[in-house]
N, C-alpha and C. Protein backbone atom coordinates (compact mmCIF):
# COMPACT_ATOMS: atom_id res chain seq x y z
N MET A 1 -17.43 15.65 -4.24
CA MET A 1 -16.37 14.87 -3.61
C MET A 1 -16.22 15.32 -2.16
N VAL A 2 -16.00 14.38 -1.28
CA VAL A 2 -15.83 14.66 0.14
C VAL A 2 -14.34 14.72 0.49
N ASN A 3 -14.05 15.21 1.66
CA ASN A 3 -12.70 15.16 2.21
C ASN A 3 -12.63 14.03 3.23
N ILE A 4 -11.46 13.49 3.40
CA ILE A 4 -11.25 12.45 4.41
C ILE A 4 -10.45 13.06 5.56
N LYS A 5 -10.97 12.89 6.76
CA LYS A 5 -10.30 13.41 7.95
C LYS A 5 -10.09 12.27 8.94
N PHE A 6 -8.88 12.15 9.42
CA PHE A 6 -8.54 11.12 10.41
C PHE A 6 -8.67 11.70 11.81
N LYS A 7 -9.43 11.03 12.64
CA LYS A 7 -9.48 11.39 14.06
C LYS A 7 -8.20 10.90 14.72
N ILE A 8 -7.87 11.48 15.86
CA ILE A 8 -6.63 11.13 16.57
C ILE A 8 -6.56 9.63 16.86
N ASP A 9 -7.67 9.04 17.28
CA ASP A 9 -7.68 7.59 17.57
C ASP A 9 -7.26 6.78 16.36
N ALA A 10 -7.76 7.14 15.19
CA ALA A 10 -7.45 6.39 13.97
C ALA A 10 -5.97 6.54 13.60
N LYS A 11 -5.43 7.73 13.76
CA LYS A 11 -4.00 7.92 13.48
C LYS A 11 -3.16 7.06 14.41
N GLU A 12 -3.54 7.05 15.68
CA GLU A 12 -2.81 6.25 16.66
C GLU A 12 -2.95 4.76 16.35
N ASP A 13 -4.16 4.35 15.95
CA ASP A 13 -4.38 2.95 15.58
C ASP A 13 -3.45 2.53 14.44
N LEU A 14 -3.36 3.38 13.43
CA LEU A 14 -2.51 3.07 12.28
C LEU A 14 -1.05 2.96 12.70
N ASN A 15 -0.62 3.85 13.57
CA ASN A 15 0.76 3.79 14.08
C ASN A 15 0.99 2.52 14.88
N GLN A 16 0.03 2.14 15.70
CA GLN A 16 0.16 0.93 16.52
C GLN A 16 0.17 -0.34 15.66
N ILE A 17 -0.63 -0.36 14.62
CA ILE A 17 -0.64 -1.50 13.69
C ILE A 17 0.74 -1.64 13.05
N ASN A 18 1.26 -0.51 12.58
CA ASN A 18 2.58 -0.53 11.95
C ASN A 18 3.65 -0.98 12.94
N LYS A 19 3.59 -0.46 14.14
CA LYS A 19 4.59 -0.81 15.16
C LYS A 19 4.53 -2.30 15.51
N TYR A 20 3.32 -2.82 15.65
CA TYR A 20 3.16 -4.23 16.02
C TYR A 20 3.69 -5.16 14.93
N ILE A 21 3.30 -4.91 13.68
CA ILE A 21 3.73 -5.77 12.58
C ILE A 21 5.23 -5.65 12.33
N SER A 22 5.77 -4.45 12.55
CA SER A 22 7.20 -4.23 12.28
C SER A 22 8.11 -5.02 13.23
N LYS A 23 7.55 -5.55 14.32
CA LYS A 23 8.35 -6.42 15.19
C LYS A 23 8.82 -7.65 14.42
N ASP A 24 8.01 -8.08 13.46
CA ASP A 24 8.36 -9.23 12.62
C ASP A 24 8.89 -8.82 11.26
N SER A 25 8.31 -7.76 10.68
CA SER A 25 8.71 -7.37 9.33
C SER A 25 8.34 -5.91 9.05
N ILE A 26 9.35 -5.10 8.86
CA ILE A 26 9.12 -3.69 8.50
C ILE A 26 8.44 -3.61 7.14
N TYR A 27 8.84 -4.49 6.23
CA TYR A 27 8.25 -4.50 4.90
C TYR A 27 6.74 -4.72 4.98
N TYR A 28 6.31 -5.75 5.70
CA TYR A 28 4.88 -6.05 5.79
C TYR A 28 4.12 -5.03 6.65
N ALA A 29 4.81 -4.44 7.59
CA ALA A 29 4.18 -3.37 8.38
C ALA A 29 3.83 -2.20 7.47
N ASN A 30 4.78 -1.79 6.65
CA ASN A 30 4.54 -0.68 5.73
C ASN A 30 3.52 -1.06 4.67
N LYS A 31 3.61 -2.27 4.17
CA LYS A 31 2.66 -2.73 3.16
C LYS A 31 1.24 -2.74 3.71
N THR A 32 1.07 -3.17 4.94
CA THR A 32 -0.26 -3.22 5.55
C THR A 32 -0.81 -1.82 5.78
N THR A 33 -0.04 -0.93 6.36
CA THR A 33 -0.55 0.42 6.61
C THR A 33 -0.80 1.17 5.31
N GLU A 34 0.05 0.97 4.32
CA GLU A 34 -0.19 1.59 3.00
C GLU A 34 -1.47 1.03 2.37
N GLY A 35 -1.70 -0.27 2.52
CA GLY A 35 -2.91 -0.88 1.99
C GLY A 35 -4.16 -0.34 2.65
N ILE A 36 -4.11 -0.13 3.96
CA ILE A 36 -5.24 0.46 4.67
C ILE A 36 -5.52 1.86 4.14
N ILE A 37 -4.49 2.66 3.98
CA ILE A 37 -4.65 4.03 3.47
C ILE A 37 -5.21 4.02 2.05
N GLU A 38 -4.71 3.13 1.21
CA GLU A 38 -5.22 3.03 -0.17
C GLU A 38 -6.71 2.65 -0.17
N LYS A 39 -7.10 1.75 0.70
CA LYS A 39 -8.52 1.36 0.80
C LYS A 39 -9.37 2.56 1.21
N ILE A 40 -8.87 3.33 2.16
CA ILE A 40 -9.59 4.52 2.63
C ILE A 40 -9.76 5.54 1.51
N LYS A 41 -8.80 5.65 0.62
CA LYS A 41 -8.87 6.63 -0.47
C LYS A 41 -10.07 6.39 -1.39
N TYR A 42 -10.56 5.15 -1.46
CA TYR A 42 -11.76 4.88 -2.26
C TYR A 42 -12.96 5.68 -1.76
N LEU A 43 -12.93 6.04 -0.49
CA LEU A 43 -14.04 6.79 0.09
C LEU A 43 -14.15 8.20 -0.48
N LEU A 44 -13.09 8.71 -1.09
CA LEU A 44 -13.16 10.02 -1.74
C LEU A 44 -14.21 10.01 -2.85
N ILE A 45 -14.32 8.90 -3.54
CA ILE A 45 -15.26 8.78 -4.66
C ILE A 45 -16.55 8.09 -4.23
N PHE A 46 -16.43 7.10 -3.37
CA PHE A 46 -17.58 6.29 -2.95
C PHE A 46 -17.69 6.29 -1.42
N PRO A 47 -18.13 7.40 -0.82
CA PRO A 47 -18.13 7.47 0.65
C PRO A 47 -19.05 6.47 1.34
N TYR A 48 -20.04 5.98 0.64
CA TYR A 48 -20.97 5.02 1.25
C TYR A 48 -20.68 3.57 0.86
N MET A 49 -19.48 3.32 0.35
CA MET A 49 -19.17 1.97 -0.11
C MET A 49 -19.06 0.96 1.03
N GLY A 50 -18.73 1.42 2.21
CA GLY A 50 -18.61 0.51 3.34
C GLY A 50 -19.97 0.06 3.84
N ARG A 51 -19.97 -1.08 4.50
CA ARG A 51 -21.23 -1.60 5.02
C ARG A 51 -21.59 -0.91 6.33
N LYS A 52 -22.87 -0.94 6.66
CA LYS A 52 -23.30 -0.47 7.97
C LYS A 52 -22.72 -1.43 9.00
N ILE A 53 -22.33 -0.91 10.12
CA ILE A 53 -21.69 -1.73 11.15
C ILE A 53 -22.76 -2.57 11.85
N PRO A 54 -22.65 -3.89 11.75
CA PRO A 54 -23.70 -4.75 12.28
C PRO A 54 -23.91 -4.64 13.79
N GLU A 55 -22.88 -4.28 14.53
CA GLU A 55 -23.00 -4.20 15.98
C GLU A 55 -23.73 -2.95 16.47
N PHE A 56 -23.89 -1.97 15.60
CA PHE A 56 -24.54 -0.71 15.98
C PHE A 56 -25.82 -0.52 15.20
N ASN A 57 -26.77 0.08 15.84
CA ASN A 57 -28.05 0.37 15.20
C ASN A 57 -28.06 1.83 14.77
N ASN A 58 -27.09 2.21 13.95
CA ASN A 58 -26.97 3.59 13.50
C ASN A 58 -26.33 3.59 12.12
N SER A 59 -27.08 4.01 11.13
CA SER A 59 -26.60 3.93 9.74
C SER A 59 -25.60 5.02 9.38
N ASP A 60 -25.34 5.97 10.29
CA ASP A 60 -24.34 7.00 10.02
C ASP A 60 -22.92 6.44 10.08
N TYR A 61 -22.77 5.32 10.78
CA TYR A 61 -21.46 4.72 10.97
C TYR A 61 -21.31 3.52 10.06
N ARG A 62 -20.15 3.46 9.40
CA ARG A 62 -19.92 2.42 8.41
C ARG A 62 -18.52 1.86 8.62
N GLU A 63 -18.23 0.78 7.89
CA GLU A 63 -16.89 0.22 7.99
C GLU A 63 -16.44 -0.34 6.65
N LEU A 64 -15.13 -0.27 6.46
CA LEU A 64 -14.46 -0.94 5.36
C LEU A 64 -13.65 -2.07 5.97
N ILE A 65 -13.44 -3.09 5.20
CA ILE A 65 -12.59 -4.20 5.64
C ILE A 65 -11.36 -4.22 4.75
N TYR A 66 -10.19 -4.25 5.37
CA TYR A 66 -8.95 -4.45 4.63
C TYR A 66 -8.22 -5.61 5.31
N LYS A 67 -8.15 -6.72 4.62
CA LYS A 67 -7.56 -7.94 5.16
C LYS A 67 -8.18 -8.23 6.51
N SER A 68 -7.42 -8.20 7.59
CA SER A 68 -7.94 -8.52 8.92
C SER A 68 -8.32 -7.28 9.73
N TYR A 69 -8.42 -6.14 9.08
CA TYR A 69 -8.67 -4.89 9.78
C TYR A 69 -10.01 -4.28 9.41
N ARG A 70 -10.65 -3.74 10.42
CA ARG A 70 -11.92 -3.03 10.25
C ARG A 70 -11.63 -1.54 10.36
N ILE A 71 -12.10 -0.78 9.39
CA ILE A 71 -11.89 0.67 9.35
C ILE A 71 -13.25 1.30 9.64
N PHE A 72 -13.39 1.86 10.80
CA PHE A 72 -14.64 2.41 11.30
C PHE A 72 -14.70 3.88 10.93
N TYR A 73 -15.78 4.31 10.24
CA TYR A 73 -15.87 5.70 9.81
C TYR A 73 -17.30 6.23 9.83
N LYS A 74 -17.39 7.54 9.76
CA LYS A 74 -18.69 8.23 9.72
C LYS A 74 -18.71 9.13 8.51
N VAL A 75 -19.87 9.18 7.86
CA VAL A 75 -20.04 10.04 6.69
C VAL A 75 -21.06 11.11 7.02
N ASN A 76 -20.70 12.36 6.77
CA ASN A 76 -21.66 13.46 6.69
C ASN A 76 -21.16 14.33 5.55
N SER A 77 -20.84 15.57 5.75
CA SER A 77 -20.30 16.36 4.64
C SER A 77 -18.87 15.94 4.30
N ASN A 78 -18.22 15.26 5.22
CA ASN A 78 -16.89 14.68 5.03
C ASN A 78 -16.90 13.23 5.50
N VAL A 79 -15.81 12.55 5.28
CA VAL A 79 -15.63 11.20 5.82
C VAL A 79 -14.65 11.32 6.98
N TYR A 80 -15.06 10.85 8.14
CA TYR A 80 -14.22 10.87 9.33
C TYR A 80 -13.81 9.44 9.66
N ILE A 81 -12.51 9.18 9.58
CA ILE A 81 -11.99 7.87 9.97
C ILE A 81 -11.84 7.90 11.48
N LEU A 82 -12.58 7.01 12.15
CA LEU A 82 -12.67 7.06 13.61
C LEU A 82 -11.75 6.06 14.30
N LYS A 83 -11.75 4.82 13.83
CA LYS A 83 -10.94 3.75 14.46
C LYS A 83 -10.52 2.76 13.39
N ILE A 84 -9.39 2.13 13.61
CA ILE A 84 -8.90 1.05 12.76
C ILE A 84 -8.42 -0.05 13.69
N PHE A 85 -8.96 -1.25 13.56
CA PHE A 85 -8.57 -2.29 14.49
C PHE A 85 -8.71 -3.67 13.88
N HIS A 86 -8.02 -4.61 14.47
CA HIS A 86 -8.03 -5.99 14.02
C HIS A 86 -9.40 -6.61 14.26
N HIS A 87 -9.86 -7.43 13.33
CA HIS A 87 -11.21 -8.00 13.41
C HIS A 87 -11.41 -8.88 14.64
N SER A 88 -10.34 -9.38 15.23
CA SER A 88 -10.49 -10.26 16.39
C SER A 88 -10.87 -9.50 17.66
N ARG A 89 -10.70 -8.19 17.64
CA ARG A 89 -11.09 -7.39 18.81
C ARG A 89 -12.59 -7.22 18.85
N ASP A 90 -13.14 -7.16 20.03
CA ASP A 90 -14.57 -6.98 20.24
C ASP A 90 -14.90 -5.50 20.06
N ILE A 91 -15.63 -5.18 19.00
CA ILE A 91 -15.94 -3.79 18.69
C ILE A 91 -16.73 -3.12 19.81
N LEU A 92 -17.62 -3.84 20.44
CA LEU A 92 -18.44 -3.24 21.49
C LEU A 92 -17.61 -2.84 22.71
N ASN A 93 -16.52 -3.56 22.95
CA ASN A 93 -15.63 -3.19 24.04
C ASN A 93 -14.52 -2.24 23.58
N SER A 94 -14.28 -2.17 22.29
CA SER A 94 -13.21 -1.34 21.75
C SER A 94 -13.64 0.09 21.46
N ILE A 95 -14.93 0.27 21.20
CA ILE A 95 -15.43 1.56 20.76
C ILE A 95 -16.59 2.01 21.62
N ASN A 96 -16.48 3.24 22.11
CA ASN A 96 -17.61 3.88 22.76
C ASN A 96 -18.17 4.87 21.73
N ILE A 97 -19.28 4.52 21.11
CA ILE A 97 -19.81 5.32 20.00
C ILE A 97 -20.12 6.75 20.43
N SER A 98 -20.42 6.98 21.70
CA SER A 98 -20.71 8.34 22.16
C SER A 98 -19.50 9.25 22.04
N ASN A 99 -18.29 8.67 22.01
CA ASN A 99 -17.07 9.48 21.83
C ASN A 99 -17.01 10.09 20.44
N TYR A 100 -17.75 9.56 19.49
CA TYR A 100 -17.65 9.99 18.09
C TYR A 100 -18.89 10.72 17.60
N GLN A 101 -19.79 11.04 18.46
CA GLN A 101 -21.03 11.66 18.03
C GLN A 101 -20.94 13.18 17.94
N LYS A 102 -19.75 13.71 17.98
CA LYS A 102 -19.55 15.16 17.90
C LYS A 102 -19.40 15.59 16.47
């Protein structure tokens, strides 16, 4: 079994998602962020369940989809949650993969 570790960007993304949705509904903001976290917990058992990210030519990076959100992560001895963002955002402009190669 692996451990799941959230990078600072991913924590901030989750907070921003919650803050944005809570402008309309605190209930749905909490439900969405809780749903994202529950989806991520599946990685404890199945770390490779996410698909390879089509925009990158690197199989170390994978993603899960939860509703309209893409959960960007890397698997090695642990699972590192790197970014969480809405599918409408351009991943190539949203993520500099070199920031996560450490």
